[in-house]
């Protein structure tokens, strides 16, 4: 397992730039400072790439949560969240918000779609050497039954829609 000390400079730089873009998207330092527990100076330190003193200063998860929730209210996704998903070997997939026009099957289909991307991502991580074959097997053993269950449920829903199911 790699600790945060294992984060190399290009990754560190990418996180800092994504943090800067996320804060800017949230209305800037002053606007974001109004909705989170830290002030303007501290928020600036999280995205500071010009001072080596802030090299290891990153946004804590509770401040990131404030950023994510604020962005969600505006229908946006913070670039920092997207960058973290990519660092984990995945991609951010927005699931539609429930509303009067969204049915339960629509939401279920969106969730299945998000889970569907987990397997190709897992294969990519194996091919890139990010995980071992044993790690791949462990993760796949948990993922494949869920995907098969999803397919079975979708088939049943299709049959029900066609009037051929229960």
Protein backbone atom coordinates (compact mmCIF):
# COMPACT_ATOMS: atom_id res chain seq x y z
CA UNK A 1 0.00 0.00 0.00
CA UNK A 2 1.32 3.43 -0.92
CA UNK A 3 0.93 6.16 1.69
CA UNK A 4 0.47 9.81 0.82
CA UNK A 5 4.25 10.20 0.91
CA UNK A 6 4.23 8.03 -2.22
CA UNK A 7 2.33 10.64 -4.20
CA UNK A 8 4.72 11.84 -6.86
CA UNK A 9 5.08 15.42 -8.00
CA UNK A 10 2.95 15.15 -11.19
CA UNK A 11 0.09 13.65 -9.16
CA UNK A 12 0.58 16.23 -6.42
CA UNK A 13 0.52 19.01 -9.03
CA UNK A 14 -2.60 17.57 -10.62
CA UNK A 15 -4.40 17.51 -7.27
CA UNK A 16 -3.37 21.08 -6.51
CA UNK A 17 -4.56 22.32 -9.92
CA UNK A 18 -7.85 20.37 -9.61
CA UNK A 19 -8.32 21.92 -6.15
CA UNK A 20 -7.76 25.40 -7.57
CA UNK A 21 -10.26 24.79 -10.38
CA UNK A 22 -12.81 23.36 -7.92
CA UNK A 23 -12.59 26.35 -5.59
CA UNK A 24 -12.89 28.71 -8.57
CA UNK A 25 -15.93 26.75 -9.78
CA UNK A 26 -17.47 27.18 -6.30
CA UNK A 27 -17.29 30.95 -6.66
CA UNK A 28 -13.74 31.57 -5.47
CA UNK A 29 -11.97 31.64 -2.14
CA UNK A 30 -14.33 34.07 -0.39
CA UNK A 31 -17.53 32.38 -1.55
CA UNK A 32 -16.31 28.89 -0.65
CA UNK A 33 -14.90 30.05 2.71
CA UNK A 34 -18.44 31.18 3.61
CA UNK A 35 -19.79 27.62 3.39
CA UNK A 36 -17.00 25.56 4.94
CA UNK A 37 -15.10 25.45 8.23
CA UNK A 38 -11.79 26.80 6.90
CA UNK A 39 -10.92 30.31 5.86
CA UNK A 40 -9.70 31.91 2.68
CA UNK A 41 -5.97 31.55 3.50
CA UNK A 42 -6.25 27.85 4.29
CA UNK A 43 -8.26 27.21 1.12
CA UNK A 44 -5.55 29.01 -0.84
CA UNK A 45 -2.89 26.78 0.75
CA UNK A 46 -4.69 23.66 -0.51
CA UNK A 47 -4.16 24.73 -4.12
CA UNK A 48 -0.82 26.51 -3.70
CA UNK A 49 1.73 25.16 -6.17
CA UNK A 50 4.19 28.02 -5.88
CA UNK A 51 5.38 27.55 -2.29
CA UNK A 52 7.11 24.31 -1.29
CA UNK A 53 5.89 24.86 2.28
CA UNK A 54 2.38 23.88 1.10
CA UNK A 55 3.58 20.89 -0.95
CA UNK A 56 1.83 18.43 1.37
CA UNK A 57 -1.16 20.61 2.30
CA UNK A 58 -4.32 19.16 0.83
CA UNK A 59 -8.03 19.59 1.39
CA UNK A 60 -9.46 17.45 4.22
CA UNK A 61 -12.37 15.18 3.40
CA UNK A 62 -14.97 17.23 5.32
CA UNK A 63 -14.06 20.35 3.32
CA UNK A 64 -14.16 18.30 0.11
CA UNK A 65 -17.63 17.09 1.16
CA UNK A 66 -18.76 20.71 1.52
CA UNK A 67 -17.39 21.39 -1.95
CA UNK A 68 -19.10 18.34 -3.47
CA UNK A 69 -22.48 19.13 -1.88
CA UNK A 70 -22.31 22.79 -2.90
CA UNK A 71 -21.38 21.82 -6.46
CA UNK A 72 -24.16 19.24 -6.59
CA UNK A 73 -26.73 21.92 -5.74
CA UNK A 74 -25.56 23.81 -8.84
CA UNK A 75 -25.57 20.68 -11.02
CA UNK A 76 -21.77 20.63 -11.22
CA UNK A 77 -19.02 18.17 -10.33
CA UNK A 78 -15.82 19.55 -8.77
CA UNK A 79 -12.70 18.84 -10.86
CA UNK A 80 -11.02 17.57 -7.66
CA UNK A 81 -13.61 14.80 -7.29
CA UNK A 82 -13.10 13.81 -10.93
CA UNK A 83 -9.30 13.76 -10.44
CA UNK A 84 -9.61 11.57 -7.33
CA UNK A 85 -11.86 9.10 -9.16
CA UNK A 86 -9.31 8.88 -11.97
CA UNK A 87 -6.47 8.37 -9.46
CA UNK A 88 -8.42 5.41 -8.09
CA UNK A 89 -8.54 3.92 -11.59
CA UNK A 90 -12.13 4.85 -12.27
CA UNK A 91 -14.29 7.57 -13.63
CA UNK A 92 -16.97 9.71 -12.08
CA UNK A 93 -20.44 8.62 -13.20
CA UNK A 94 -23.33 10.87 -12.24
CA UNK A 95 -26.48 9.01 -11.23
CA UNK A 96 -29.63 10.96 -12.09
CA UNK A 97 -31.39 12.74 -9.26
CA UNK A 98 -34.81 11.32 -8.49
CA UNK A 99 -37.65 13.57 -9.59
CA UNK A 100 -41.23 13.21 -10.71
CA UNK A 101 -40.13 12.14 -14.19
CA UNK A 102 -37.54 9.59 -13.04
CA UNK A 103 -38.88 6.11 -12.41
CA UNK A 104 -37.35 3.49 -10.13
CA UNK A 105 -36.25 1.40 -13.15
CA UNK A 106 -34.47 4.49 -14.57
CA UNK A 107 -32.53 4.91 -11.33
CA UNK A 108 -31.78 1.21 -11.13
CA UNK A 109 -30.52 1.20 -14.71
CA UNK A 110 -28.23 4.15 -13.95
CA UNK A 111 -26.80 2.31 -10.92
CA UNK A 112 -26.24 -0.82 -13.03
CA UNK A 113 -24.46 1.32 -15.62
CA UNK A 114 -22.14 2.72 -12.96
CA UNK A 115 -21.34 -0.79 -11.69
CA UNK A 116 -20.78 -1.96 -15.28
CA UNK A 117 -17.80 0.41 -15.61
CA UNK A 118 -16.11 -1.14 -12.57
CA UNK A 119 -15.06 -4.29 -14.46
CA UNK A 120 -13.34 -2.62 -17.46
CA UNK A 121 -11.63 -0.30 -14.97
CA UNK A 122 -10.44 -3.32 -13.02
CA UNK A 123 -9.02 -4.88 -16.19
CA UNK A 124 -7.28 -1.62 -17.07
CA UNK A 125 -5.69 -1.47 -13.61
CA UNK A 126 -4.39 -5.03 -14.05
CA UNK A 127 -2.97 -4.31 -17.51
CA UNK A 128 -1.33 -1.09 -16.25
CA UNK A 129 0.36 -3.04 -13.45
CA UNK A 130 -1.47 -1.09 -10.74
CA UNK A 131 -2.79 -4.28 -9.15
CA UNK A 132 -1.52 -7.85 -9.04
CA UNK A 133 -3.30 -10.83 -10.55
CA UNK A 134 -4.29 -11.94 -7.05
CA UNK A 135 -5.80 -8.52 -6.30
CA UNK A 136 -7.61 -8.66 -9.64
CA UNK A 137 -9.04 -12.10 -8.82
CA UNK A 138 -10.18 -10.97 -5.37
CA UNK A 139 -11.95 -7.89 -6.71
CA UNK A 140 -13.41 -9.73 -9.72
CA UNK A 141 -14.81 -12.47 -7.47
CA UNK A 142 -16.88 -9.85 -5.68
CA UNK A 143 -17.81 -7.94 -8.82
CA UNK A 144 -18.81 -10.66 -11.27
CA UNK A 145 -21.69 -12.08 -9.16
CA UNK A 146 -23.10 -8.55 -8.75
CA UNK A 147 -22.96 -7.99 -12.50
CA UNK A 148 -24.63 -11.35 -13.19
CA UNK A 149 -27.34 -10.49 -10.65
CA UNK A 150 -27.83 -7.12 -12.38
CA UNK A 151 -28.27 -8.86 -15.74
CA UNK A 152 -30.79 -11.27 -14.26
CA UNK A 153 -32.82 -8.45 -12.72
CA UNK A 154 -32.73 -6.43 -15.95
CA UNK A 155 -33.91 -9.47 -17.91
CA UNK A 156 -36.80 -9.94 -15.48
CA UNK A 157 -37.75 -6.26 -15.79
CA UNK A 158 -37.68 -6.52 -19.58
CA UNK A 159 -39.93 -9.57 -19.49
CA UNK A 160 -42.30 -7.75 -17.13
CA UNK A 161 -42.45 -4.73 -19.44
CA UNK A 162 -43.21 -7.06 -22.35
CA UNK A 163 -45.95 -8.75 -20.29
CA UNK A 164 -44.06 -12.05 -20.23
CA UNK A 165 -42.81 -11.91 -16.64
CA UNK A 166 -44.33 -12.27 -13.22
